[in-house]
Amino acid sequence: MTATPHTPRALKALGSLSVSPLSLGGNVFGWTADENESFAVLDAYVAGGGNFIDTADVYSAWVPGNKGGESETVIGNWLASRGNRSDVVIATKVGAHPDHKGLSAGTIKAAVDESLTRLRTDYIDLYYTHFDDESVEVSEFLTALNDLVQAGKVREIAASNISAKRLEESLAFSAREGLARYVALQPHYNLVSRDTYEGELADVAARNGVAAVPYYALASGFLTGKYRPGTTVDSARSEGAAKHVTTDRGLRVLKALDTVAAAHEAEVATVALAWLAAQPTVAAPIASARTVSQLPALLALGELNLTEAELNLLTEASA
């Protein structure tokens, strides 16, 4: 297969926001990356042309001794020290923090103020409902989110971990009532996890012009190519990645990724992200980096264009 010319990808629109082709995941900040390491990664990401940083109020409450909000605090300290708030798009989420679970109006309004305090900013660019809360009517949480937009605390709203039915219901309510609408959707989606998003949910997003910003874009590191039969990787996420090594699908995907990566003299992770970025509705995959050395392969997404034959090879291998 011959490589196509490397044409940098343009910024993508999420409502009124313009975002870079790769969203930097903030789940590792305050977890496997301390503040100094996180600052170095954030600096290198921005220096490499990135502007879209993803976090959540719950990151990283799962770590013993953490309460949630650690990632937002690191990012807030970085924003304050660099004085670059207007240069970056900050996305965070509501609904999963131990002190603010669910999507009641009161929960959303209390949680956003705490996120703003930790982020050391007076506005959030993109505010996600982290998990749908079916005990709350869409009218309640969308009205609350609209109030945040009207107050200037949030610029655009988005959804993560939501069913096709509830997404469609939410979009219809916003349209009917003239309220802020979801401009983006954050699904679990990558080369070895396609079933959750492809199909009905992707169809709703496409019909309504909702952009996808997939999480676990590299399948907890499996799609970097580090995890192979007989290898051991020292990583906090190794259990999530290693499970794919034992499947026929995982091995087929690795073989196809190796073939395409060799044709472009590219990293396996770059190819996996490029396949995802080429899928319908996808605006910017999310990937995290614990160290600066992990960033170049992620940022190279912006300059790698795969041929139709290469995309088909990867799609068939992951079927």
C-alpha atoms as a PDB file:
ATOM      1  CA  MET A   1       0.000   0.000   0.000  1.00  0.00           C
ATOM      2  CA  THR A   2       1.272   3.455  -0.775  1.00  0.00           C
ATOM      3  CA  ALA A   3       1.094   6.300   1.685  1.00  0.00           C
ATOM      4  CA  THR A   4      -1.008   9.337   0.974  1.00  0.00           C
ATOM      5  CA  PRO A   5       0.396  12.858   1.388  1.00  0.00           C
ATOM      6  CA  HIS A   6       0.381  14.112   4.960  1.00  0.00           C
ATOM      7  CA  THR A   7      -2.133  16.952   5.000  1.00  0.00           C
ATOM      8  CA  PRO A   8      -2.716  18.321   8.524  1.00  0.00           C
ATOM      9  CA  ARG A   9      -6.293  17.941   9.686  1.00  0.00           C
ATOM     10  CA  ALA A  10      -8.209  21.153  10.219  1.00  0.00           C
ATOM     11  CA  LEU A  11      -9.885  22.151  13.463  1.00  0.00           C
ATOM     12  CA  LYS A  12     -13.327  20.621  13.961  1.00  0.00           C
ATOM     13  CA  ALA A  13     -16.450  22.478  15.068  1.00  0.00           C
ATOM     14  CA  LEU A  14     -18.366  21.462  18.191  1.00  0.00           C
ATOM     15  CA  GLY A  15     -21.128  24.033  18.178  1.00  0.00           C
ATOM     16  CA  SER A  16     -19.326  27.354  18.647  1.00  0.00           C
ATOM     17  CA  LEU A  17     -16.072  25.646  19.647  1.00  0.00           C
ATOM     18  CA  SER A  18     -13.136  24.838  17.361  1.00  0.00           C
ATOM     19  CA  VAL A  19     -11.091  21.854  18.509  1.00  0.00           C
ATOM     20  CA  SER A  20      -7.902  20.116  17.426  1.00  0.00           C
ATOM     21  CA  PRO A  21      -7.968  16.582  15.911  1.00  0.00           C
ATOM     22  CA  LEU A  22      -6.781  14.959  19.154  1.00  0.00           C
ATOM     23  CA  SER A  23      -8.384  15.576  22.532  1.00  0.00           C
ATOM     24  CA  LEU A  24      -5.948  15.093  25.414  1.00  0.00           C
ATOM     25  CA  GLY A  25      -7.445  12.895  28.119  1.00  0.00           C
ATOM     26  CA  GLY A  26      -6.962  14.211  31.641  1.00  0.00           C
ATOM     27  CA  ASN A  27      -7.839  11.022  33.518  1.00  0.00           C
ATOM     28  CA  VAL A  28      -4.158  10.384  34.348  1.00  0.00           C
ATOM     29  CA  PHE A  29      -3.530  13.826  35.878  1.00  0.00           C
ATOM     30  CA  GLY A  30      -3.330  13.457  39.655  1.00  0.00           C
ATOM     31  CA  TRP A  31      -3.356   9.667  39.256  1.00  0.00           C
ATOM     32  CA  THR A  32      -0.476   8.062  37.324  1.00  0.00           C
ATOM     33  CA  ALA A  33       0.992  11.479  36.448  1.00  0.00           C
ATOM     34  CA  ASP A  34       1.797  13.883  39.284  1.00  0.00           C
ATOM     35  CA  GLU A  35       1.435  17.651  38.875  1.00  0.00           C
ATOM     36  CA  ASN A  36       4.916  18.223  37.429  1.00  0.00           C
ATOM     37  CA  GLU A  37       4.525  15.373  34.923  1.00  0.00           C
ATOM     38  CA  SER A  38       1.037  16.588  34.036  1.00  0.00           C
ATOM     39  CA  PHE A  39       2.267  20.144  33.445  1.00  0.00           C
ATOM     40  CA  ALA A  40       4.986  18.806  31.123  1.00  0.00           C
ATOM     41  CA  VAL A  41       2.438  16.768  29.121  1.00  0.00           C
ATOM     42  CA  LEU A  42       0.024  19.706  28.886  1.00  0.00           C
ATOM     43  CA  ASP A  43       2.804  22.055  27.773  1.00  0.00           C
ATOM     44  CA  ALA A  44       3.983  19.614  25.099  1.00  0.00           C
ATOM     45  CA  TYR A  45       0.427  18.976  23.894  1.00  0.00           C
ATOM     46  CA  VAL A  46      -0.236  22.681  23.371  1.00  0.00           C
ATOM     47  CA  ALA A  47       3.204  23.198  21.813  1.00  0.00           C
ATOM     48  CA  GLY A  48       2.326  20.403  19.380  1.00  0.00           C
ATOM     49  CA  GLY A  49      -0.805  22.213  18.221  1.00  0.00           C
ATOM     50  CA  GLY A  50      -3.406  20.697  20.557  1.00  0.00           C
ATOM     51  CA  ASN A  51      -6.110  22.792  22.210  1.00  0.00           C
ATOM     52  CA  PHE A  52      -8.783  20.327  23.464  1.00  0.00           C
ATOM     53  CA  ILE A  53      -8.386  18.983  27.028  1.00  0.00           C
ATOM     54  CA  ASP A  54     -10.858  16.480  28.466  1.00  0.00           C
ATOM     55  CA  THR A  55     -11.438  15.771  32.151  1.00  0.00           C
ATOM     56  CA  ALA A  56     -14.245  15.056  34.639  1.00  0.00           C
ATOM     57  CA  ASP A  57     -15.100  16.041  38.191  1.00  0.00           C
ATOM     58  CA  VAL A  58     -14.821  12.392  39.293  1.00  0.00           C
ATOM     59  CA  TYR A  59     -11.184  11.962  38.107  1.00  0.00           C
ATOM     60  CA  SER A  60      -9.615  10.274  40.020  1.00  0.00           C
ATOM     61  CA  ALA A  61     -11.866   9.271  42.915  1.00  0.00           C
ATOM     62  CA  TRP A  62     -11.062   5.575  42.332  1.00  0.00           C
ATOM     63  CA  VAL A  63      -7.517   6.051  43.659  1.00  0.00           C
ATOM     64  CA  PRO A  64      -7.115   5.368  47.419  1.00  0.00           C
ATOM     65  CA  GLY A  65      -6.810   8.697  49.202  1.00  0.00           C
ATOM     66  CA  ASN A  66      -8.333  10.712  46.357  1.00  0.00           C
ATOM     67  CA  LYS A  67     -11.764  12.343  46.580  1.00  0.00           C
ATOM     68  CA  GLY A  68     -12.389  13.267  42.940  1.00  0.00           C
ATOM     69  CA  GLY A  69     -11.486  16.574  41.374  1.00  0.00           C
ATOM     70  CA  GLU A  70      -7.741  15.863  41.339  1.00  0.00           C
ATOM     71  CA  SER A  71      -7.485  16.122  37.548  1.00  0.00           C
ATOM     72  CA  GLU A  72      -9.469  19.371  37.419  1.00  0.00           C
ATOM     73  CA  THR A  73      -7.232  20.805  40.143  1.00  0.00           C
ATOM     74  CA  VAL A  74      -4.056  19.968  38.195  1.00  0.00           C
ATOM     75  CA  ILE A  75      -5.487  21.480  35.008  1.00  0.00           C
ATOM     76  CA  GLY A  76      -6.656  24.569  36.905  1.00  0.00           C
ATOM     77  CA  ASN A  77      -3.209  25.082  38.407  1.00  0.00           C
ATOM     78  CA  TRP A  78      -1.660  24.699  34.955  1.00  0.00           C
ATOM     79  CA  LEU A  79      -4.078  27.212  33.400  1.00  0.00           C
ATOM     80  CA  ALA A  80      -3.326  29.707  36.171  1.00  0.00           C
ATOM     81  CA  SER A  81       0.437  29.283  35.880  1.00  0.00           C
ATOM     82  CA  ARG A  82       0.481  29.539  32.082  1.00  0.00           C
ATOM     83  CA  GLY A  83      -2.128  32.283  31.684  1.00  0.00           C
ATOM     84  CA  ASN A  84      -3.494  30.594  28.574  1.00  0.00           C
ATOM     85  CA  ARG A  85      -7.154  30.006  29.421  1.00  0.00           C
ATOM     86  CA  SER A  86      -8.479  31.585  26.221  1.00  0.00           C
ATOM     87  CA  ASP A  87      -6.182  29.434  24.059  1.00  0.00           C
ATOM     88  CA  VAL A  88      -7.577  26.053  25.122  1.00  0.00           C
ATOM     89  CA  VAL A  89     -10.934  24.282  25.076  1.00  0.00           C
ATOM     90  CA  ILE A  90     -11.662  22.680  28.444  1.00  0.00           C
ATOM     91  CA  ALA A  91     -14.217  19.859  28.644  1.00  0.00           C
ATOM     92  CA  THR A  92     -15.353  18.386  31.951  1.00  0.00           C
ATOM     93  CA  LYS A  93     -18.267  16.288  33.163  1.00  0.00           C
ATOM     94  CA  VAL A  94     -20.963  16.135  35.817  1.00  0.00           C
ATOM     95  CA  GLY A  95     -22.854  13.290  37.442  1.00  0.00           C
ATOM     96  CA  ALA A  96     -20.287  10.787  38.728  1.00  0.00           C
ATOM     97  CA  HIS A  97     -18.433  12.645  41.507  1.00  0.00           C
ATOM     98  CA  PRO A  98     -18.955  10.877  44.867  1.00  0.00           C
ATOM     99  CA  ASP A  99     -20.516  14.041  46.336  1.00  0.00           C
ATOM    100  CA  HIS A 100     -22.571  14.911  43.255  1.00  0.00           C
ATOM    101  CA  LYS A 101     -24.033  11.781  41.718  1.00  0.00           C
ATOM    102  CA  GLY A 102     -26.834  11.922  39.172  1.00  0.00           C
ATOM    103  CA  LEU A 103     -28.329  14.679  37.054  1.00  0.00           C
ATOM    104  CA  SER A 104     -30.855  16.454  39.238  1.00  0.00           C
ATOM    105  CA  ALA A 105     -30.900  20.222  38.713  1.00  0.00           C
ATOM    106  CA  GLY A 106     -29.537  20.815  42.214  1.00  0.00           C
ATOM    107  CA  THR A 107     -26.686  18.351  41.680  1.00  0.00           C
ATOM    108  CA  ILE A 108     -25.667  19.934  38.377  1.00  0.00           C
ATOM    109  CA  LYS A 109     -25.696  23.463  39.760  1.00  0.00           C
ATOM    110  CA  ALA A 110     -23.662  22.540  42.848  1.00  0.00           C
ATOM    111  CA  ALA A 111     -21.176  20.434  40.891  1.00  0.00           C
ATOM    112  CA  VAL A 112     -20.452  23.037  38.218  1.00  0.00           C
ATOM    113  CA  ASP A 113     -19.425  25.630  40.795  1.00  0.00           C
ATOM    114  CA  GLU A 114     -16.977  23.192  42.369  1.00  0.00           C
ATOM    115  CA  SER A 115     -15.543  22.313  38.950  1.00  0.00           C
ATOM    116  CA  LEU A 116     -15.119  26.007  38.126  1.00  0.00           C
ATOM    117  CA  THR A 117     -13.300  26.550  41.423  1.00  0.00           C
ATOM    118  CA  ARG A 118     -10.918  23.634  40.836  1.00  0.00           C
ATOM    119  CA  LEU A 119     -10.319  24.653  37.222  1.00  0.00           C
ATOM    120  CA  ARG A 120      -9.672  28.234  38.375  1.00  0.00           C
ATOM    121  CA  THR A 121     -11.817  29.641  35.595  1.00  0.00           C
ATOM    122  CA  ASP A 122     -15.200  31.321  35.291  1.00  0.00           C
ATOM    123  CA  TYR A 123     -16.418  29.212  32.359  1.00  0.00           C
ATOM    124  CA  ILE A 124     -16.271  25.653  31.038  1.00  0.00           C
ATOM    125  CA  ASP A 125     -16.139  25.307  27.256  1.00  0.00           C
ATOM    126  CA  LEU A 126     -17.835  21.910  26.952  1.00  0.00           C
ATOM    127  CA  TYR A 127     -19.850  20.411  29.821  1.00  0.00           C
ATOM    128  CA  TYR A 128     -20.849  16.736  29.591  1.00  0.00           C
ATOM    129  CA  THR A 129     -23.483  14.779  31.443  1.00  0.00           C
ATOM    130  CA  HIS A 130     -21.078  11.957  32.365  1.00  0.00           C
ATOM    131  CA  PHE A 131     -23.632   9.138  32.639  1.00  0.00           C
ATOM    132  CA  ASP A 132     -27.302   9.322  31.821  1.00  0.00           C
ATOM    133  CA  ASP A 133     -29.548   9.337  34.900  1.00  0.00           C
ATOM    134  CA  GLU A 134     -32.849   7.840  33.819  1.00  0.00           C
ATOM    135  CA  SER A 135     -34.429   8.719  37.174  1.00  0.00           C
ATOM    136  CA  VAL A 136     -34.373  12.358  36.012  1.00  0.00           C
ATOM    137  CA  GLU A 137     -36.500  13.652  33.142  1.00  0.00           C
ATOM    138  CA  VAL A 138     -34.538  15.185  30.266  1.00  0.00           C
ATOM    139  CA  SER A 139     -36.542  18.369  30.830  1.00  0.00           C
ATOM    140  CA  GLU A 140     -34.980  18.800  34.288  1.00  0.00           C
ATOM    141  CA  PHE A 141     -31.316  18.341  33.475  1.00  0.00           C
ATOM    142  CA  LEU A 142     -31.466  20.144  30.127  1.00  0.00           C
ATOM    143  CA  THR A 143     -33.173  23.133  31.712  1.00  0.00           C
ATOM    144  CA  ALA A 144     -30.460  23.171  34.388  1.00  0.00           C
ATOM    145  CA  LEU A 145     -27.720  22.957  31.757  1.00  0.00           C
ATOM    146  CA  ASN A 146     -29.388  25.704  29.731  1.00  0.00           C
ATOM    147  CA  ASP A 147     -29.383  27.896  32.849  1.00  0.00           C
ATOM    148  CA  LEU A 148     -25.610  27.393  33.088  1.00  0.00           C
ATOM    149  CA  VAL A 149     -25.185  28.455  29.463  1.00  0.00           C
ATOM    150  CA  GLN A 150     -27.380  31.520  30.021  1.00  0.00           C
ATOM    151  CA  ALA A 151     -25.318  32.404  33.118  1.00  0.00           C
ATOM    152  CA  GLY A 152     -22.078  32.182  31.121  1.00  0.00           C
ATOM    153  CA  LYS A 153     -20.700  29.323  33.213  1.00  0.00           C
ATOM    154  CA  VAL A 154     -20.798  26.878  30.279  1.00  0.00           C
ATOM    155  CA  ARG A 155     -20.370  27.541  26.559  1.00  0.00           C
ATOM    156  CA  GLU A 156     -21.640  24.266  25.037  1.00  0.00           C
ATOM    157  CA  ILE A 157     -23.162  21.052  26.412  1.00  0.00           C
ATOM    158  CA  ALA A 158     -22.592  17.417  25.533  1.00  0.00           C
ATOM    159  CA  ALA A 159     -23.502  13.872  26.600  1.00  0.00           C
ATOM    160  CA  SER A 160     -21.519  10.755  27.456  1.00  0.00           C
ATOM    161  CA  ASN A 161     -22.735   7.208  28.107  1.00  0.00           C
ATOM    162  CA  ILE A 162     -26.283   7.762  26.895  1.00  0.00           C
ATOM    163  CA  SER A 163     -28.651   5.553  24.901  1.00  0.00           C
ATOM    164  CA  ALA A 164     -29.813   6.411  21.405  1.00  0.00           C
ATOM    165  CA  LYS A 165     -33.364   6.818  22.706  1.00  0.00           C
ATOM    166  CA  ARG A 166     -32.441   9.257  25.465  1.00  0.00           C
ATOM    167  CA  LEU A 167     -30.106  11.203  23.182  1.00  0.00           C
ATOM    168  CA  GLU A 168     -32.883  11.637  20.630  1.00  0.00           C
ATOM    169  CA  GLU A 169     -35.335  12.588  23.369  1.00  0.00           C
ATOM    170  CA  SER A 170     -32.880  15.171  24.728  1.00  0.00           C
ATOM    171  CA  LEU A 171     -32.244  16.727  21.323  1.00  0.00           C
ATOM    172  CA  ALA A 172     -35.962  16.892  20.580  1.00  0.00           C
ATOM    173  CA  PHE A 173     -36.675  18.605  23.918  1.00  0.00           C
ATOM    174  CA  SER A 174     -33.966  21.223  23.371  1.00  0.00           C
ATOM    175  CA  ALA A 175     -35.293  21.941  19.879  1.00  0.00           C
ATOM    176  CA  ARG A 176     -38.903  22.169  21.043  1.00  0.00           C
ATOM    177  CA  GLU A 177     -38.136  24.445  23.979  1.00  0.00           C
ATOM    178  CA  GLY A 178     -35.409  26.515  22.338  1.00  0.00           C
ATOM    179  CA  LEU A 179     -32.812  25.460  24.910  1.00  0.00           C
ATOM    180  CA  ALA A 180     -29.101  24.682  24.635  1.00  0.00           C
ATOM    181  CA  ARG A 181     -28.638  21.368  22.817  1.00  0.00           C
ATOM    182  CA  TYR A 182     -26.029  18.656  22.958  1.00  0.00           C
ATOM    183  CA  VAL A 183     -23.367  19.440  20.338  1.00  0.00           C
ATOM    184  CA  ALA A 184     -21.159  16.439  21.097  1.00  0.00           C
ATOM    185  CA  LEU A 185     -21.361  12.857  22.282  1.00  0.00           C
ATOM    186  CA  GLN A 186     -18.599  10.957  24.069  1.00  0.00           C
ATOM    187  CA  PRO A 187     -19.050   7.234  23.399  1.00  0.00           C
ATOM    188  CA  HIS A 188     -16.811   4.256  24.177  1.00  0.00           C
ATOM    189  CA  TYR A 189     -15.483   3.594  20.679  1.00  0.00           C
ATOM    190  CA  ASN A 190     -12.290   2.203  19.157  1.00  0.00           C
ATOM    191  CA  LEU A 191     -11.050  -0.463  16.750  1.00  0.00           C
ATOM    192  CA  VAL A 192     -11.743  -3.317  19.185  1.00  0.00           C
ATOM    193  CA  SER A 193     -14.896  -1.829  20.779  1.00  0.00           C
ATOM    194  CA  ARG A 194     -17.314  -0.840  18.044  1.00  0.00           C
ATOM    195  CA  ASP A 195     -20.646  -2.293  19.145  1.00  0.00           C
ATOM    196  CA  THR A 196     -21.600   0.367  21.710  1.00  0.00           C
ATOM    197  CA  TYR A 197     -21.498   3.245  19.235  1.00  0.00           C
ATOM    198  CA  GLU A 198     -21.933   1.925  15.696  1.00  0.00           C
ATOM    199  CA  GLY A 199     -25.556   1.446  14.738  1.00  0.00           C
ATOM    200  CA  GLU A 200     -28.455   3.241  16.388  1.00  0.00           C
ATOM    201  CA  LEU A 201     -26.449   5.669  18.535  1.00  0.00           C
ATOM    202  CA  ALA A 202     -24.193   6.740  15.658  1.00  0.00           C
ATOM    203  CA  ASP A 203     -27.278   7.109  13.454  1.00  0.00           C
ATOM    204  CA  VAL A 204     -28.922   9.497  15.931  1.00  0.00           C
ATOM    205  CA  ALA A 205     -25.708  11.520  16.140  1.00  0.00           C
ATOM    206  CA  ALA A 206     -25.395  11.700  12.349  1.00  0.00           C
ATOM    207  CA  ARG A 207     -29.028  12.689  11.785  1.00  0.00           C
ATOM    208  CA  ASN A 208     -28.756  15.494  14.313  1.00  0.00           C
ATOM    209  CA  GLY A 209     -25.283  16.813  13.512  1.00  0.00           C
ATOM    210  CA  VAL A 210     -23.849  15.728  16.870  1.00  0.00           C
ATOM    211  CA  ALA A 211     -20.078  15.182  16.785  1.00  0.00           C
ATOM    212  CA  ALA A 212     -18.510  12.144  18.444  1.00  0.00           C
ATOM    213  CA  VAL A 213     -15.500  12.511  20.754  1.00  0.00           C
ATOM    214  CA  PRO A 214     -14.695   8.859  21.563  1.00  0.00           C
ATOM    215  CA  TYR A 215     -13.125   7.815  24.853  1.00  0.00           C
ATOM    216  CA  TYR A 216     -10.882   4.742  25.295  1.00  0.00           C
ATOM    217  CA  ALA A 217      -9.751   5.561  21.759  1.00  0.00           C
ATOM    218  CA  LEU A 218      -6.691   3.346  22.283  1.00  0.00           C
ATOM    219  CA  ALA A 219      -8.496   0.634  24.288  1.00  0.00           C
ATOM    220  CA  SER A 220      -6.630   1.392  27.543  1.00  0.00           C
ATOM    221  CA  GLY A 221      -3.343   1.207  25.648  1.00  0.00           C
ATOM    222  CA  PHE A 222      -3.911  -2.014  23.690  1.00  0.00           C
ATOM    223  CA  LEU A 223      -3.997  -0.110  20.390  1.00  0.00           C
ATOM    224  CA  THR A 224      -0.547   1.361  21.005  1.00  0.00           C
ATOM    225  CA  GLY A 225       0.846  -2.040  20.045  1.00  0.00           C
ATOM    226  CA  LYS A 226       2.688  -2.462  23.367  1.00  0.00           C
ATOM    227  CA  TYR A 227       0.520  -5.404  24.406  1.00  0.00           C
ATOM    228  CA  ARG A 228       1.462  -8.566  22.542  1.00  0.00           C
ATOM    229  CA  PRO A 229       1.224 -12.293  23.316  1.00  0.00           C
ATOM    230  CA  GLY A 230       3.906 -13.151  25.881  1.00  0.00           C
ATOM    231  CA  THR A 231       4.642  -9.545  26.888  1.00  0.00           C
ATOM    232  CA  THR A 232       4.033  -7.848  30.237  1.00  0.00           C
ATOM    233  CA  VAL A 233       3.457  -4.099  30.502  1.00  0.00           C
ATOM    234  CA  ASP A 234       3.829  -2.211  33.767  1.00  0.00           C
ATOM    235  CA  SER A 235       0.770   0.038  33.651  1.00  0.00           C
ATOM    236  CA  ALA A 236      -2.166   0.861  35.903  1.00  0.00           C
ATOM    237  CA  ARG A 237      -4.403   0.126  32.919  1.00  0.00           C
ATOM    238  CA  SER A 238      -2.748  -3.116  31.809  1.00  0.00           C
ATOM    239  CA  GLU A 239      -5.682  -5.312  32.843  1.00  0.00           C
ATOM    240  CA  GLY A 240      -8.072  -3.436  30.543  1.00  0.00           C
ATOM    241  CA  ALA A 241      -5.644  -3.598  27.631  1.00  0.00           C
ATOM    242  CA  ALA A 242      -4.317  -7.129  28.048  1.00  0.00           C
ATOM    243  CA  LYS A 243      -7.749  -8.770  27.678  1.00  0.00           C
ATOM    244  CA  HIS A 244      -7.691  -7.983  23.946  1.00  0.00           C
ATOM    245  CA  VAL A 245      -4.423  -9.902  23.428  1.00  0.00           C
ATOM    246  CA  THR A 246      -6.239 -13.192  24.036  1.00  0.00           C
ATOM    247  CA  THR A 247      -8.938 -12.618  21.397  1.00  0.00           C
ATOM    248  CA  ASP A 248      -8.830 -13.434  17.685  1.00  0.00           C
ATOM    249  CA  ARG A 249     -10.204  -9.970  16.969  1.00  0.00           C
ATOM    250  CA  GLY A 250      -7.433  -8.302  18.938  1.00  0.00           C
ATOM    251  CA  LEU A 251      -4.715 -10.252  17.142  1.00  0.00           C
ATOM    252  CA  ARG A 252      -6.262  -9.545  13.715  1.00  0.00           C
ATOM    253  CA  VAL A 253      -6.384  -5.835  14.528  1.00  0.00           C
ATOM    254  CA  LEU A 254      -2.734  -5.795  15.651  1.00  0.00           C
ATOM    255  CA  LYS A 255      -1.653  -7.498  12.428  1.00  0.00           C
ATOM    256  CA  ALA A 256      -3.571  -4.994  10.291  1.00  0.00           C
ATOM    257  CA  LEU A 257      -2.258  -2.053  12.330  1.00  0.00           C
ATOM    258  CA  ASP A 258       1.317  -3.316  11.887  1.00  0.00           C
ATOM    259  CA  THR A 259       0.816  -3.515   8.111  1.00  0.00           C
ATOM    260  CA  VAL A 260      -0.562   0.009   7.798  1.00  0.00           C
ATOM    261  CA  ALA A 261       1.938   1.487  10.266  1.00  0.00           C
ATOM    262  CA  ALA A 262       4.821   0.026   8.252  1.00  0.00           C
ATOM    263  CA  ALA A 263       3.468   1.533   5.038  1.00  0.00           C
ATOM    264  CA  HIS A 264       3.448   5.004   6.599  1.00  0.00           C
ATOM    265  CA  GLU A 265       6.483   4.587   8.872  1.00  0.00           C
ATOM    266  CA  ALA A 266       4.043   5.550  11.614  1.00  0.00           C
ATOM    267  CA  GLU A 267       3.373   4.382  15.158  1.00  0.00           C
ATOM    268  CA  VAL A 268       0.634   1.791  15.671  1.00  0.00           C
ATOM    269  CA  ALA A 269      -1.194   4.199  18.020  1.00  0.00           C
ATOM    270  CA  THR A 270      -1.245   6.896  15.328  1.00  0.00           C
ATOM    271  CA  VAL A 271      -2.824   4.508  12.839  1.00  0.00           C
ATOM    272  CA  ALA A 272      -5.475   3.370  15.343  1.00  0.00           C
ATOM    273  CA  LEU A 273      -6.404   6.988  16.061  1.00  0.00           C
ATOM    274  CA  ALA A 274      -6.433   7.849  12.345  1.00  0.00           C
ATOM    275  CA  TRP A 275      -8.898   5.019  11.651  1.00  0.00           C
ATOM    276  CA  LEU A 276     -11.157   6.343  14.411  1.00  0.00           C
ATOM    277  CA  ALA A 277     -10.874   9.958  13.227  1.00  0.00           C
ATOM    278  CA  ALA A 278     -11.937   8.839   9.736  1.00  0.00           C
ATOM    279  CA  GLN A 279     -15.218   7.293  10.932  1.00  0.00           C
ATOM    280  CA  PRO A 280     -18.517   9.105  10.290  1.00  0.00           C
ATOM    281  CA  THR A 281     -19.410  11.751  12.922  1.00  0.00           C
ATOM    282  CA  VAL A 282     -16.047  11.478  14.744  1.00  0.00           C
ATOM    283  CA  ALA A 283     -14.492  14.890  15.437  1.00  0.00           C
ATOM    284  CA  ALA A 284     -11.637  14.195  17.854  1.00  0.00           C
ATOM    285  CA  PRO A 285     -10.674  10.953  19.578  1.00  0.00           C
ATOM    286  CA  ILE A 286      -9.539  11.232  23.212  1.00  0.00           C
ATOM    287  CA  ALA A 287      -6.209   9.746  24.256  1.00  0.00           C
ATOM    288  CA  SER A 288      -4.170  10.333  27.389  1.00  0.00           C
ATOM    289  CA  ALA A 289      -0.424  10.520  27.905  1.00  0.00           C
ATOM    290  CA  ARG A 290       1.284   9.915  31.232  1.00  0.00           C
ATOM    291  CA  THR A 291       4.641  11.128  29.931  1.00  0.00           C
ATOM    292  CA  VAL A 292       5.813  13.575  27.267  1.00  0.00           C
ATOM    293  CA  SER A 293       7.417  10.688  25.357  1.00  0.00           C
ATOM    294  CA  GLN A 294       3.969   9.183  24.724  1.00  0.00           C
ATOM    295  CA  LEU A 295       2.636  12.346  23.059  1.00  0.00           C
ATOM    296  CA  PRO A 296       4.261  12.413  19.588  1.00  0.00           C
ATOM    297  CA  ALA A 297       2.441   9.274  18.432  1.00  0.00           C
ATOM    298  CA  LEU A 298      -0.868  10.806  19.525  1.00  0.00           C
ATOM    299  CA  LEU A 299      -0.303  14.246  18.022  1.00  0.00           C
ATOM    300  CA  ALA A 300       0.806  12.677  14.720  1.00  0.00           C
ATOM    301  CA  LEU A 301      -2.882  11.854  14.178  1.00  0.00           C
ATOM    302  CA  GLY A 302      -3.265  15.361  12.756  1.00  0.00           C
ATOM    303  CA  GLU A 303      -0.975  14.573   9.838  1.00  0.00           C
ATOM    304  CA  LEU A 304      -1.804  10.956   8.976  1.00  0.00           C
ATOM    305  CA  ASN A 305      -4.371  10.274   6.268  1.00  0.00           C
ATOM    306  CA  LEU A 306      -5.133   6.638   5.502  1.00  0.00           C
ATOM    307  CA  THR A 307      -6.114   5.348   2.076  1.00  0.00           C
ATOM    308  CA  GLU A 308      -9.543   3.831   1.509  1.00  0.00           C
ATOM    309  CA  ALA A 309      -7.911   0.416   1.193  1.00  0.00           C
ATOM    310  CA  GLU A 310      -6.116   0.843   4.524  1.00  0.00           C
ATOM    311  CA  LEU A 311      -9.288   1.956   6.273  1.00  0.00           C
ATOM    312  CA  ASN A 312     -11.113  -1.061   4.846  1.00  0.00           C
ATOM    313  CA  LEU A 313      -8.330  -3.424   5.964  1.00  0.00           C
ATOM    314  CA  LEU A 314      -8.605  -2.155   9.542  1.00  0.00           C
ATOM    315  CA  THR A 315     -12.412  -2.163   9.507  1.00  0.00           C
ATOM    316  CA  GLU A 316     -12.538  -5.764   8.277  1.00  0.00           C
ATOM    317  CA  ALA A 317      -9.900  -6.925  10.763  1.00  0.00           C
ATOM    318  CA  SER A 318     -11.924  -5.449  13.629  1.00  0.00           C
ATOM    319  CA  ALA A 319     -15.296  -6.780  12.489  1.00  0.00           C
END
